[in-house]
PDB file of N, CA and C in Angstrom:
ATOM      1  N   MET A   1      20.375 -21.970  14.654  1.00  0.00           N
ATOM      2  CA  MET A   1      19.269 -21.746  13.653  1.00  0.00           C
ATOM      3  C   MET A   1      18.414 -20.473  14.043  1.00  0.00           C
ATOM      4  N   SER A   2      18.127 -19.632  12.899  1.00  0.00           N
ATOM      5  CA  SER A   2      17.066 -18.474  13.630  1.00  0.00           C
ATOM      6  C   SER A   2      15.576 -19.073  13.515  1.00  0.00           C
ATOM      7  N   THR A   3      14.810 -18.282  14.171  1.00  0.00           N
ATOM      8  CA  THR A   3      13.358 -18.642  14.112  1.00  0.00           C
ATOM      9  C   THR A   3      12.772 -18.231  13.042  1.00  0.00           C
ATOM     10  N   TYR A   4      13.074 -17.536  12.158  1.00  0.00           N
ATOM     11  CA  TYR A   4      12.373 -17.235  11.009  1.00  0.00           C
ATOM     12  C   TYR A   4      13.297 -17.265   9.750  1.00  0.00           C
ATOM     13  N   GLN A   5      12.649 -17.766   8.750  1.00  0.00           N
ATOM     14  CA  GLN A   5      13.287 -17.970   7.309  1.00  0.00           C
ATOM     15  C   GLN A   5      12.553 -17.138   6.428  1.00  0.00           C
ATOM     16  N   ILE A   6      13.503 -16.418   5.420  1.00  0.00           N
ATOM     17  CA  ILE A   6      12.865 -15.712   4.434  1.00  0.00           C
ATOM     18  C   ILE A   6      13.594 -16.351   3.008  1.00  0.00           C
ATOM     19  N   TRP A   7      12.245 -16.607   2.160  1.00  0.00           N
ATOM     20  CA  TRP A   7      12.669 -16.875   0.660  1.00  0.00           C
ATOM     21  C   TRP A   7      12.684 -15.580   0.127  1.00  0.00           C
ATOM     22  N   HIS A   8      13.853 -15.527  -0.450  1.00  0.00           N
ATOM     23  CA  HIS A   8      14.038 -13.988  -0.692  1.00  0.00           C
ATOM     24  C   HIS A   8      14.884 -13.980  -2.279  1.00  0.00           C
ATOM     25  N   ASN A   9      14.299 -12.908  -3.031  1.00  0.00           N
ATOM     26  CA  ASN A   9      14.933 -12.417  -4.120  1.00  0.00           C
ATOM     27  C   ASN A   9      15.202 -11.215  -4.054  1.00  0.00           C
ATOM     28  N   PRO A  10      16.520 -10.847  -3.745  1.00  0.00           N
ATOM     29  CA  PRO A  10      16.688  -9.435  -3.604  1.00  0.00           C
ATOM     30  C   PRO A  10      16.920  -8.454  -5.003  1.00  0.00           C
ATOM     31  N   ARG A  11      16.476  -9.168  -6.091  1.00  0.00           N
ATOM     32  CA  ARG A  11      16.271  -8.092  -7.121  1.00  0.00           C
ATOM     33  C   ARG A  11      14.597  -7.908  -7.016  1.00  0.00           C
ATOM     34  N   CYS A  12      13.872  -8.373  -6.212  1.00  0.00           N
ATOM     35  CA  CYS A  12      12.338  -8.023  -5.952  1.00  0.00           C
ATOM     36  C   CYS A  12      12.118  -7.223  -5.185  1.00  0.00           C
ATOM     37  N   SER A  13      11.630  -6.084  -5.527  1.00  0.00           N
ATOM     38  CA  SER A  13      11.217  -4.617  -4.425  1.00  0.00           C
ATOM     39  C   SER A  13       9.995  -5.104  -3.586  1.00  0.00           C
ATOM     40  N   LYS A  14       9.454  -6.082  -3.809  1.00  0.00           N
ATOM     41  CA  LYS A  14       8.672  -6.495  -2.735  1.00  0.00           C
ATOM     42  C   LYS A  14       9.069  -7.570  -1.533  1.00  0.00           C
ATOM     43  N   SER A  15      10.317  -8.270  -2.044  1.00  0.00           N
ATOM     44  CA  SER A  15      10.843  -9.366  -1.186  1.00  0.00           C
ATOM     45  C   SER A  15      12.013  -8.286  -0.366  1.00  0.00           C
ATOM     46  N   ARG A  16      12.434  -7.400  -1.019  1.00  0.00           N
ATOM     47  CA  ARG A  16      13.269  -6.235  -0.190  1.00  0.00           C
ATOM     48  C   ARG A  16      12.680  -5.775   0.907  1.00  0.00           C
ATOM     49  N   GLN A  17      11.193  -5.259   0.488  1.00  0.00           N
ATOM     50  CA  GLN A  17      10.607  -4.521   1.331  1.00  0.00           C
ATOM     51  C   GLN A  17      10.196  -5.496   2.662  1.00  0.00           C
ATOM     52  N   ALA A  18       9.897  -6.556   2.198  1.00  0.00           N
ATOM     53  CA  ALA A  18       9.446  -7.931   3.444  1.00  0.00           C
ATOM     54  C   ALA A  18      10.598  -8.013   4.255  1.00  0.00           C
ATOM     55  N   LEU A  19      11.518  -7.899   3.848  1.00  0.00           N
ATOM     56  CA  LEU A  19      13.250  -8.343   4.584  1.00  0.00           C
ATOM     57  C   LEU A  19      13.414  -7.061   5.378  1.00  0.00           C
ATOM     58  N   ALA A  20      13.307  -5.889   5.007  1.00  0.00           N
ATOM     59  CA  ALA A  20      13.345  -4.652   5.715  1.00  0.00           C
ATOM     60  C   ALA A  20      12.246  -4.446   6.803  1.00  0.00           C
ATOM     61  N   LEU A  21      11.124  -4.884   6.439  1.00  0.00           N
ATOM     62  CA  LEU A  21      10.249  -4.841   7.746  1.00  0.00           C
ATOM     63  C   LEU A  21      10.717  -5.565   8.760  1.00  0.00           C
ATOM     64  N   LEU A  22      11.164  -7.113   8.502  1.00  0.00           N
ATOM     65  CA  LEU A  22      11.513  -7.817   9.553  1.00  0.00           C
ATOM     66  C   LEU A  22      12.594  -7.224  10.279  1.00  0.00           C
ATOM     67  N   GLU A  23      13.501  -6.850   9.498  1.00  0.00           N
ATOM     68  CA  GLU A  23      15.080  -6.406  10.107  1.00  0.00           C
ATOM     69  C   GLU A  23      14.650  -4.810  10.959  1.00  0.00           C
ATOM     70  N   GLU A  24      13.766  -4.363  10.721  1.00  0.00           N
ATOM     71  CA  GLU A  24      13.073  -3.273  11.474  1.00  0.00           C
ATOM     72  C   GLU A  24      12.638  -3.465  12.860  1.00  0.00           C
ATOM     73  N   LYS A  25      11.762  -4.720  12.502  1.00  0.00           N
ATOM     74  CA  LYS A  25      11.089  -5.154  13.788  1.00  0.00           C
ATOM     75  C   LYS A  25      12.140  -6.064  15.118  1.00  0.00           C
ATOM     76  N   GLY A  26      13.483  -5.906  14.504  1.00  0.00           N
ATOM     77  CA  GLY A  26      14.718  -6.753  15.225  1.00  0.00           C
ATOM     78  C   GLY A  26      14.661  -8.107  15.048  1.00  0.00           C
ATOM     79  N   VAL A  27      13.962  -8.612  13.934  1.00  0.00           N
ATOM     80  CA  VAL A  27      13.638 -10.139  13.783  1.00  0.00           C
ATOM     81  C   VAL A  27      14.972 -10.717  13.008  1.00  0.00           C
ATOM     82  N   GLU A  28      15.560 -11.801  13.616  1.00  0.00           N
ATOM     83  CA  GLU A  28      16.825 -12.450  13.327  1.00  0.00           C
ATOM     84  C   GLU A  28      16.012 -13.587  12.122  1.00  0.00           C
ATOM     85  N   VAL A  29      16.671 -13.293  10.894  1.00  0.00           N
ATOM     86  CA  VAL A  29      16.245 -14.002   9.720  1.00  0.00           C
ATOM     87  C   VAL A  29      17.148 -14.740   8.974  1.00  0.00           C
ATOM     88  N   GLU A  30      17.005 -16.041   8.925  1.00  0.00           N
ATOM     89  CA  GLU A  30      17.770 -16.815   7.894  1.00  0.00           C
ATOM     90  C   GLU A  30      17.262 -16.315   6.387  1.00  0.00           C
ATOM     91  N   VAL A  31      17.963 -15.566   5.585  1.00  0.00           N
ATOM     92  CA  VAL A  31      17.748 -15.516   4.431  1.00  0.00           C
ATOM     93  C   VAL A  31      18.228 -16.243   3.438  1.00  0.00           C
ATOM     94  N   ILE A  32      17.513 -16.863   2.465  1.00  0.00           N
ATOM     95  CA  ILE A  32      17.505 -18.150   1.600  1.00  0.00           C
ATOM     96  C   ILE A  32      17.388 -17.420   0.390  1.00  0.00           C
ATOM     97  N   LYS A  33      18.171 -17.431  -0.561  1.00  0.00           N
ATOM     98  CA  LYS A  33      18.171 -16.849  -1.650  1.00  0.00           C
ATOM     99  C   LYS A  33      17.570 -18.036  -2.858  1.00  0.00           C
ATOM    100  N   TYR A  34      16.417 -18.189  -2.750  1.00  0.00           N
ATOM    101  CA  TYR A  34      15.926 -19.370  -3.505  1.00  0.00           C
ATOM    102  C   TYR A  34      16.197 -19.487  -4.947  1.00  0.00           C
ATOM    103  N   MET A  35      16.610 -18.136  -5.944  1.00  0.00           N
ATOM    104  CA  MET A  35      16.790 -18.139  -7.088  1.00  0.00           C
ATOM    105  C   MET A  35      18.179 -18.921  -7.151  1.00  0.00           C
ATOM    106  N   ASP A  36      18.868 -18.609  -5.931  1.00  0.00           N
ATOM    107  CA  ASP A  36      20.644 -19.371  -6.008  1.00  0.00           C
ATOM    108  C   ASP A  36      20.389 -20.686  -5.786  1.00  0.00           C
ATOM    109  N   THR A  37      19.677 -21.130  -4.789  1.00  0.00           N
ATOM    110  CA  THR A  37      19.752 -22.417  -3.633  1.00  0.00           C
ATOM    111  C   THR A  37      18.128 -22.814  -4.182  1.00  0.00           C
ATOM    112  N   LEU A  38      18.146 -23.832  -5.399  1.00  0.00           N
ATOM    113  CA  LEU A  38      16.744 -24.394  -5.905  1.00  0.00           C
ATOM    114  C   LEU A  38      16.236 -25.219  -4.883  1.00  0.00           C
ATOM    115  N   LYS A  39      14.775 -24.821  -4.588  1.00  0.00           N
ATOM    116  CA  LYS A  39      14.069 -25.706  -3.780  1.00  0.00           C
ATOM    117  C   LYS A  39      13.608 -26.914  -4.503  1.00  0.00           C
ATOM    118  N   SER A  40      13.391 -27.864  -3.625  1.00  0.00           N
ATOM    119  CA  SER A  40      12.930 -29.429  -4.091  1.00  0.00           C
ATOM    120  C   SER A  40      11.505 -29.562  -4.106  1.00  0.00           C
ATOM    121  N   VAL A  41      11.109 -30.375  -4.822  1.00  0.00           N
ATOM    122  CA  VAL A  41       9.318 -30.691  -5.011  1.00  0.00           C
ATOM    123  C   VAL A  41       9.130 -30.628  -3.339  1.00  0.00           C
ATOM    124  N   ASP A  42       9.913 -31.507  -2.663  1.00  0.00           N
ATOM    125  CA  ASP A  42       9.370 -31.814  -1.071  1.00  0.00           C
ATOM    126  C   ASP A  42       9.456 -30.280  -0.522  1.00  0.00           C
ATOM    127  N   GLU A  43      10.289 -29.522  -0.616  1.00  0.00           N
ATOM    128  CA  GLU A  43      10.395 -28.129   0.144  1.00  0.00           C
ATOM    129  C   GLU A  43       9.349 -27.376  -0.427  1.00  0.00           C
ATOM    130  N   LEU A  44       8.503 -27.267  -1.679  1.00  0.00           N
ATOM    131  CA  LEU A  44       7.883 -26.524  -2.055  1.00  0.00           C
ATOM    132  C   LEU A  44       6.314 -27.320  -1.678  1.00  0.00           C
ATOM    133  N   LYS A  45       6.215 -28.720  -1.668  1.00  0.00           N
ATOM    134  CA  LYS A  45       4.734 -28.943  -0.882  1.00  0.00           C
ATOM    135  C   LYS A  45       4.955 -28.707   0.700  1.00  0.00           C
ATOM    136  N   GLU A  46       5.978 -28.909   1.233  1.00  0.00           N
ATOM    137  CA  GLU A  46       6.064 -28.266   2.568  1.00  0.00           C
ATOM    138  C   GLU A  46       5.554 -27.072   2.731  1.00  0.00           C
ATOM    139  N   VAL A  47       6.186 -25.968   2.119  1.00  0.00           N
ATOM    140  CA  VAL A  47       5.965 -24.466   2.204  1.00  0.00           C
ATOM    141  C   VAL A  47       4.353 -24.324   1.867  1.00  0.00           C
ATOM    142  N   LEU A  48       3.748 -24.965   0.808  1.00  0.00           N
ATOM    143  CA  LEU A  48       2.475 -25.000   0.254  1.00  0.00           C
ATOM    144  C   LEU A  48       1.631 -25.276   1.335  1.00  0.00           C
ATOM    145  N   GLU A  49       2.079 -26.380   2.386  1.00  0.00           N
ATOM    146  CA  GLU A  49       1.028 -26.833   3.068  1.00  0.00           C
ATOM    147  C   GLU A  49       1.079 -25.622   4.308  1.00  0.00           C
ATOM    148  N   LYS A  50       2.345 -24.838   4.573  1.00  0.00           N
ATOM    149  CA  LYS A  50       2.612 -23.976   5.772  1.00  0.00           C
ATOM    150  C   LYS A  50       1.698 -22.785   5.226  1.00  0.00           C
ATOM    151  N   LEU A  51       1.444 -22.370   3.994  1.00  0.00           N
ATOM    152  CA  LEU A  51       0.845 -21.382   3.480  1.00  0.00           C
ATOM    153  C   LEU A  51      -0.338 -21.466   3.313  1.00  0.00           C
ATOM    154  N   ASN A  52      -0.754 -22.875   3.393  1.00  0.00           N
ATOM    155  CA  ASN A  52      -2.381 -23.300   3.380  1.00  0.00           C
ATOM    156  C   ASN A  52      -2.987 -22.828   1.908  1.00  0.00           C
ATOM    157  N   ILE A  53      -2.107 -23.027   0.886  1.00  0.00           N
ATOM    158  CA  ILE A  53      -2.432 -22.569  -0.255  1.00  0.00           C
ATOM    159  C   ILE A  53      -2.117 -23.328  -1.449  1.00  0.00           C
ATOM    160  N   CYS A  54      -2.685 -23.639  -2.644  1.00  0.00           N
ATOM    161  CA  CYS A  54      -2.445 -24.675  -3.710  1.00  0.00           C
ATOM    162  C   CYS A  54      -1.158 -24.105  -4.547  1.00  0.00           C
ATOM    163  N   ALA A  55      -0.825 -24.774  -5.363  1.00  0.00           N
ATOM    164  CA  ALA A  55       0.462 -24.515  -5.964  1.00  0.00           C
ATOM    165  C   ALA A  55       0.370 -23.340  -7.036  1.00  0.00           C
ATOM    166  N   ARG A  56      -0.707 -22.984  -7.616  1.00  0.00           N
ATOM    167  CA  ARG A  56      -1.205 -21.952  -8.547  1.00  0.00           C
ATOM    168  C   ARG A  56      -0.834 -20.577  -7.867  1.00  0.00           C
ATOM    169  N   GLU A  57      -1.662 -20.639  -6.685  1.00  0.00           N
ATOM    170  CA  GLU A  57      -1.532 -19.427  -5.875  1.00  0.00           C
ATOM    171  C   GLU A  57      -0.095 -18.974  -5.311  1.00  0.00           C
ATOM    172  N   LEU A  58       0.720 -19.861  -5.152  1.00  0.00           N
ATOM    173  CA  LEU A  58       2.165 -19.375  -5.028  1.00  0.00           C
ATOM    174  C   LEU A  58       2.842 -19.020  -6.587  1.00  0.00           C
ATOM    175  N   MET A  59       1.951 -19.076  -7.917  1.00  0.00           N
ATOM    176  CA  MET A  59       3.050 -19.114  -8.846  1.00  0.00           C
ATOM    177  C   MET A  59       2.599 -17.345  -9.541  1.00  0.00           C
ATOM    178  N   ARG A  60       3.677 -17.227 -10.194  1.00  0.00           N
ATOM    179  CA  ARG A  60       4.034 -15.888 -10.661  1.00  0.00           C
ATOM    180  C   ARG A  60       3.221 -16.131 -12.198  1.00  0.00           C
ATOM    181  N   THR A  61       1.926 -15.941 -12.393  1.00  0.00           N
ATOM    182  CA  THR A  61       1.508 -16.256 -13.731  1.00  0.00           C
ATOM    183  C   THR A  61       1.455 -15.207 -14.733  1.00  0.00           C
ATOM    184  N   THR A  62       2.374 -14.303 -14.408  1.00  0.00           N
ATOM    185  CA  THR A  62       2.782 -13.103 -15.691  1.00  0.00           C
ATOM    186  C   THR A  62       4.169 -13.396 -16.217  1.00  0.00           C
ATOM    187  N   GLU A  63       4.894 -14.392 -15.441  1.00  0.00           N
ATOM    188  CA  GLU A  63       6.214 -14.493 -16.003  1.00  0.00           C
ATOM    189  C   GLU A  63       6.155 -15.161 -17.314  1.00  0.00           C
ATOM    190  N   ASP A  64       7.204 -15.164 -18.311  1.00  0.00           N
ATOM    191  CA  ASP A  64       7.334 -15.645 -19.574  1.00  0.00           C
ATOM    192  C   ASP A  64       7.534 -17.113 -19.305  1.00  0.00           C
ATOM    193  N   ASP A  65       8.541 -17.623 -18.027  1.00  0.00           N
ATOM    194  CA  ASP A  65       8.354 -19.209 -17.961  1.00  0.00           C
ATOM    195  C   ASP A  65       6.984 -19.842 -17.915  1.00  0.00           C
ATOM    196  N   TYR A  66       6.002 -19.274 -17.127  1.00  0.00           N
ATOM    197  CA  TYR A  66       4.546 -19.773 -17.069  1.00  0.00           C
ATOM    198  C   TYR A  66       4.020 -19.719 -18.616  1.00  0.00           C
ATOM    199  N   LYS A  67       4.142 -18.527 -19.407  1.00  0.00           N
ATOM    200  CA  LYS A  67       3.496 -18.680 -20.480  1.00  0.00           C
ATOM    201  C   LYS A  67       4.344 -19.980 -21.715  1.00  0.00           C
ATOM    202  N   ALA A  68       5.714 -19.842 -21.350  1.00  0.00           N
ATOM    203  CA  ALA A  68       6.439 -20.649 -22.122  1.00  0.00           C
ATOM    204  C   ALA A  68       6.118 -22.128 -21.712  1.00  0.00           C
ATOM    205  N   LEU A  69       6.063 -22.525 -20.736  1.00  0.00           N
ATOM    206  CA  LEU A  69       5.595 -24.005 -20.149  1.00  0.00           C
ATOM    207  C   LEU A  69       4.055 -24.235 -20.380  1.00  0.00           C
ATOM    208  N   ASN A  70       3.339 -23.396 -20.883  1.00  0.00           N
ATOM    209  CA  ASN A  70       1.851 -23.530 -21.081  1.00  0.00           C
ATOM    210  C   ASN A  70       1.285 -24.155 -19.745  1.00  0.00           C
ATOM    211  N   LEU A  71       1.407 -23.260 -18.848  1.00  0.00           N
ATOM    212  CA  LEU A  71       0.901 -23.598 -17.434  1.00  0.00           C
ATOM    213  C   LEU A  71      -0.431 -23.205 -16.998  1.00  0.00           C
ATOM    214  N   LYS A  72      -1.039 -22.306 -18.006  1.00  0.00           N
ATOM    215  CA  LYS A  72      -2.359 -21.684 -17.818  1.00  0.00           C
ATOM    216  C   LYS A  72      -3.202 -22.902 -17.778  1.00  0.00           C
ATOM    217  N   ASP A  73      -3.459 -23.698 -18.494  1.00  0.00           N
ATOM    218  CA  ASP A  73      -4.417 -25.026 -18.495  1.00  0.00           C
ATOM    219  C   ASP A  73      -4.011 -26.135 -17.840  1.00  0.00           C
ATOM    220  N   GLU A  74      -2.991 -26.117 -17.055  1.00  0.00           N
ATOM    221  CA  GLU A  74      -2.302 -27.329 -16.304  1.00  0.00           C
ATOM    222  C   GLU A  74      -3.242 -27.417 -14.975  1.00  0.00           C
ATOM    223  N   ASN A  75      -3.320 -28.430 -14.773  1.00  0.00           N
ATOM    224  CA  ASN A  75      -4.443 -28.663 -13.445  1.00  0.00           C
ATOM    225  C   ASN A  75      -3.502 -29.463 -12.299  1.00  0.00           C
ATOM    226  N   ASP A  76      -2.375 -30.267 -12.908  1.00  0.00           N
ATOM    227  CA  ASP A  76      -1.837 -30.980 -12.011  1.00  0.00           C
ATOM    228  C   ASP A  76      -0.941 -30.579 -11.152  1.00  0.00           C
ATOM    229  N   GLU A  77      -1.511 -30.706  -9.716  1.00  0.00           N
ATOM    230  CA  GLU A  77      -0.682 -29.892  -8.722  1.00  0.00           C
ATOM    231  C   GLU A  77       0.777 -30.446  -8.717  1.00  0.00           C
ATOM    232  N   GLN A  78       1.163 -31.718  -8.903  1.00  0.00           N
ATOM    233  CA  GLN A  78       2.480 -32.380  -8.945  1.00  0.00           C
ATOM    234  C   GLN A  78       3.281 -31.493  -9.990  1.00  0.00           C
ATOM    235  N   LYS A  79       2.660 -31.426 -11.118  1.00  0.00           N
ATOM    236  CA  LYS A  79       3.092 -30.854 -12.229  1.00  0.00           C
ATOM    237  C   LYS A  79       3.427 -29.397 -12.135  1.00  0.00           C
ATOM    238  N   LEU A  80       2.422 -28.236 -11.247  1.00  0.00           N
ATOM    239  CA  LEU A  80       2.647 -27.240 -11.347  1.00  0.00           C
ATOM    240  C   LEU A  80       4.053 -26.839  -9.975  1.00  0.00           C
ATOM    241  N   ILE A  81       3.902 -28.013  -9.192  1.00  0.00           N
ATOM    242  CA  ILE A  81       5.067 -27.981  -8.225  1.00  0.00           C
ATOM    243  C   ILE A  81       6.439 -27.962  -8.753  1.00  0.00           C
ATOM    244  N   GLU A  82       6.256 -29.065  -9.830  1.00  0.00           N
ATOM    245  CA  GLU A  82       7.719 -29.594 -10.363  1.00  0.00           C
ATOM    246  C   GLU A  82       8.272 -28.375 -11.053  1.00  0.00           C
ATOM    247  N   ALA A  83       7.353 -27.368 -11.936  1.00  0.00           N
ATOM    248  CA  ALA A  83       7.799 -26.409 -12.795  1.00  0.00           C
ATOM    249  C   ALA A  83       8.286 -25.350 -11.894  1.00  0.00           C
ATOM    250  N   MET A  84       7.657 -25.041 -10.653  1.00  0.00           N
ATOM    251  CA  MET A  84       8.127 -24.092  -9.906  1.00  0.00           C
ATOM    252  C   MET A  84       9.632 -24.602  -9.115  1.00  0.00           C
ATOM    253  N   ALA A  85       9.872 -25.992  -9.033  1.00  0.00           N
ATOM    254  CA  ALA A  85      11.114 -26.363  -8.446  1.00  0.00           C
ATOM    255  C   ALA A  85      12.401 -26.173  -9.639  1.00  0.00           C
ATOM    256  N   SER A  86      11.836 -26.345 -11.029  1.00  0.00           N
ATOM    257  CA  SER A  86      12.720 -26.248 -11.944  1.00  0.00           C
ATOM    258  C   SER A  86      12.918 -24.708 -12.638  1.00  0.00           C
ATOM    259  N   HIS A  87      11.841 -24.125 -12.277  1.00  0.00           N
ATOM    260  CA  HIS A  87      12.018 -22.671 -12.545  1.00  0.00           C
ATOM    261  C   HIS A  87      11.364 -21.553 -11.726  1.00  0.00           C
ATOM    262  N   PRO A  88      12.435 -21.480 -10.826  1.00  0.00           N
ATOM    263  CA  PRO A  88      12.140 -20.404  -9.381  1.00  0.00           C
ATOM    264  C   PRO A  88      11.618 -19.101  -9.542  1.00  0.00           C
ATOM    265  N   LYS A  89      11.646 -18.654 -10.820  1.00  0.00           N
ATOM    266  CA  LYS A  89      11.123 -17.460 -11.226  1.00  0.00           C
ATOM    267  C   LYS A  89       9.704 -17.240 -10.998  1.00  0.00           C
ATOM    268  N   LEU A  90       8.976 -18.672 -11.163  1.00  0.00           N
ATOM    269  CA  LEU A  90       7.818 -18.663 -11.070  1.00  0.00           C
ATOM    270  C   LEU A  90       7.440 -18.623  -9.516  1.00  0.00           C
ATOM    271  N   ILE A  91       7.917 -18.695  -8.437  1.00  0.00           N
ATOM    272  CA  ILE A  91       7.731 -18.495  -7.368  1.00  0.00           C
ATOM    273  C   ILE A  91       7.410 -16.905  -6.910  1.00  0.00           C
ATOM    274  N   GLN A  92       6.229 -17.003  -6.003  1.00  0.00           N
ATOM    275  CA  GLN A  92       5.926 -15.416  -5.702  1.00  0.00           C
ATOM    276  C   GLN A  92       6.731 -15.255  -4.564  1.00  0.00           C
ATOM    277  N   ARG A  93       7.356 -13.938  -4.047  1.00  0.00           N
ATOM    278  CA  ARG A  93       8.192 -13.955  -3.296  1.00  0.00           C
ATOM    279  C   ARG A  93       7.742 -12.495  -2.379  1.00  0.00           C
ATOM    280  N   ALA A  94       7.862 -12.321  -1.048  1.00  0.00           N
ATOM    281  CA  ALA A  94       8.930 -13.028  -0.212  1.00  0.00           C
ATOM    282  C   ALA A  94       8.177 -14.065   0.437  1.00  0.00           C
ATOM    283  N   ILE A  95       8.569 -15.007   0.875  1.00  0.00           N
ATOM    284  CA  ILE A  95       8.071 -16.212   1.653  1.00  0.00           C
ATOM    285  C   ILE A  95       8.501 -16.252   2.742  1.00  0.00           C
ATOM    286  N   VAL A  96       7.844 -15.913   3.891  1.00  0.00           N
ATOM    287  CA  VAL A  96       8.427 -16.041   5.451  1.00  0.00           C
ATOM    288  C   VAL A  96       7.821 -17.328   6.110  1.00  0.00           C
ATOM    289  N   ILE A  97       8.736 -17.806   7.021  1.00  0.00           N
ATOM    290  CA  ILE A  97       8.328 -19.152   7.511  1.00  0.00           C
ATOM    291  C   ILE A  97       8.865 -19.023   8.957  1.00  0.00           C
ATOM    292  N   LYS A  98       8.074 -19.444   9.804  1.00  0.00           N
ATOM    293  CA  LYS A  98       8.032 -19.489  11.055  1.00  0.00           C
ATOM    294  C   LYS A  98       7.481 -20.859  11.889  1.00  0.00           C
ATOM    295  N   GLY A  99       8.442 -22.045  12.087  1.00  0.00           N
ATOM    296  CA  GLY A  99       7.797 -22.958  12.484  1.00  0.00           C
ATOM    297  C   GLY A  99       6.840 -23.587  11.695  1.00  0.00           C
ATOM    298  N   ASN A 100       5.718 -23.919  12.061  1.00  0.00           N
ATOM    299  CA  ASN A 100       4.537 -24.615  10.909  1.00  0.00           C
ATOM    300  C   ASN A 100       3.778 -23.661  10.012  1.00  0.00           C
ATOM    301  N   LYS A 101       4.127 -22.280  10.199  1.00  0.00           N
ATOM    302  CA  LYS A 101       3.454 -21.341   9.567  1.00  0.00           C
ATOM    303  C   LYS A 101       4.098 -20.711   8.685  1.00  0.00           C
ATOM    304  N   ALA A 102       3.543 -19.920   7.597  1.00  0.00           N
ATOM    305  CA  ALA A 102       4.219 -19.152   6.532  1.00  0.00           C
ATOM    306  C   ALA A 102       3.223 -18.081   6.237  1.00  0.00           C
ATOM    307  N   VAL A 103       3.779 -16.833   5.528  1.00  0.00           N
ATOM    308  CA  VAL A 103       3.130 -16.051   4.791  1.00  0.00           C
ATOM    309  C   VAL A 103       3.719 -15.530   3.530  1.00  0.00           C
ATOM    310  N   LEU A 104       3.049 -15.144   2.600  1.00  0.00           N
ATOM    311  CA  LEU A 104       3.170 -14.594   1.445  1.00  0.00           C
ATOM    312  C   LEU A 104       3.488 -13.335   1.679  1.00  0.00           C
ATOM    313  N   GLY A 105       4.539 -12.623   1.469  1.00  0.00           N
ATOM    314  CA  GLY A 105       4.587 -11.350   1.525  1.00  0.00           C
ATOM    315  C   GLY A 105       4.281 -10.566   0.450  1.00  0.00           C
ATOM    316  N   ARG A 106       2.917 -10.597  -0.041  1.00  0.00           N
ATOM    317  CA  ARG A 106       2.407  -9.669  -0.976  1.00  0.00           C
ATOM    318  C   ARG A 106       1.063  -9.276  -0.416  1.00  0.00           C
ATOM    319  N   PRO A 107       0.957  -8.146   0.292  1.00  0.00           N
ATOM    320  CA  PRO A 107       1.777  -7.228   0.222  1.00  0.00           C
ATOM    321  C   PRO A 107       3.170  -7.425   1.180  1.00  0.00           C
ATOM    322  N   PRO A 108       4.003  -6.643   1.057  1.00  0.00           N
ATOM    323  CA  PRO A 108       5.333  -7.107   1.982  1.00  0.00           C
ATOM    324  C   PRO A 108       4.609  -6.857   3.757  1.00  0.00           C
ATOM    325  N   GLU A 109       3.807  -5.994   3.947  1.00  0.00           N
ATOM    326  CA  GLU A 109       3.339  -6.020   5.410  1.00  0.00           C
ATOM    327  C   GLU A 109       2.600  -7.233   6.019  1.00  0.00           C
ATOM    328  N   LYS A 110       2.175  -8.179   4.751  1.00  0.00           N
ATOM    329  CA  LYS A 110       1.807  -9.408   5.405  1.00  0.00           C
ATOM    330  C   LYS A 110       2.555 -10.260   6.447  1.00  0.00           C
ATOM    331  N   VAL A 111       3.892 -10.014   6.291  1.00  0.00           N
ATOM    332  CA  VAL A 111       5.096 -10.799   6.864  1.00  0.00           C
ATOM    333  C   VAL A 111       4.892 -10.337   8.484  1.00  0.00           C
ATOM    334  N   LEU A 112       4.114  -9.170   8.740  1.00  0.00           N
ATOM    335  CA  LEU A 112       4.071  -9.112  10.347  1.00  0.00           C
ATOM    336  C   LEU A 112       2.907  -9.763  10.937  1.00  0.00           C
ATOM    337  N   GLU A 113       2.323 -10.669  10.071  1.00  0.00           N
ATOM    338  CA  GLU A 113       1.379 -11.437  10.646  1.00  0.00           C
ATOM    339  C   GLU A 113       2.033 -12.521  11.597  1.00  0.00           C
ATOM    340  N   LEU A 114       3.530 -13.004  11.341  1.00  0.00           N
ATOM    341  CA  LEU A 114       3.953 -13.936  11.806  1.00  0.00           C
ATOM    342  C   LEU A 114       4.805 -13.331  13.123  1.00  0.00           C
ATOM    343  N   LEU A 115       4.582 -12.170  13.112  1.00  0.00           N
ATOM    344  CA  LEU A 115       5.580 -11.676  14.602  1.00  0.00           C
ATOM    345  C   LEU A 115       4.463 -11.777  15.568  1.00  0.00           C
TER     346      LEU A 115
END
């Protein structure tokens, strides 16, 4: 198993840039296409802890799913996490994980903080 893991969406330019930065640095990365391999509530809780952020900070609030699910006024952390587990488009990307730490690649250069 590689030391680094990236939750990646190949259709996202920021995610592609983050992955390219890691590859340029010669980092062995396990690529997880989280849109194809849904993340569980427990996995999302774990990554939120590693990122040291709340669920809303990990959400893409401009997505149609966010509006359709009426999440703007939702304050229950568990429900926000469940929404991301069911609708992975809501998850910001890319997320790079190393051990018990993680960073959100927005901007993509932030992933270099884990090196």
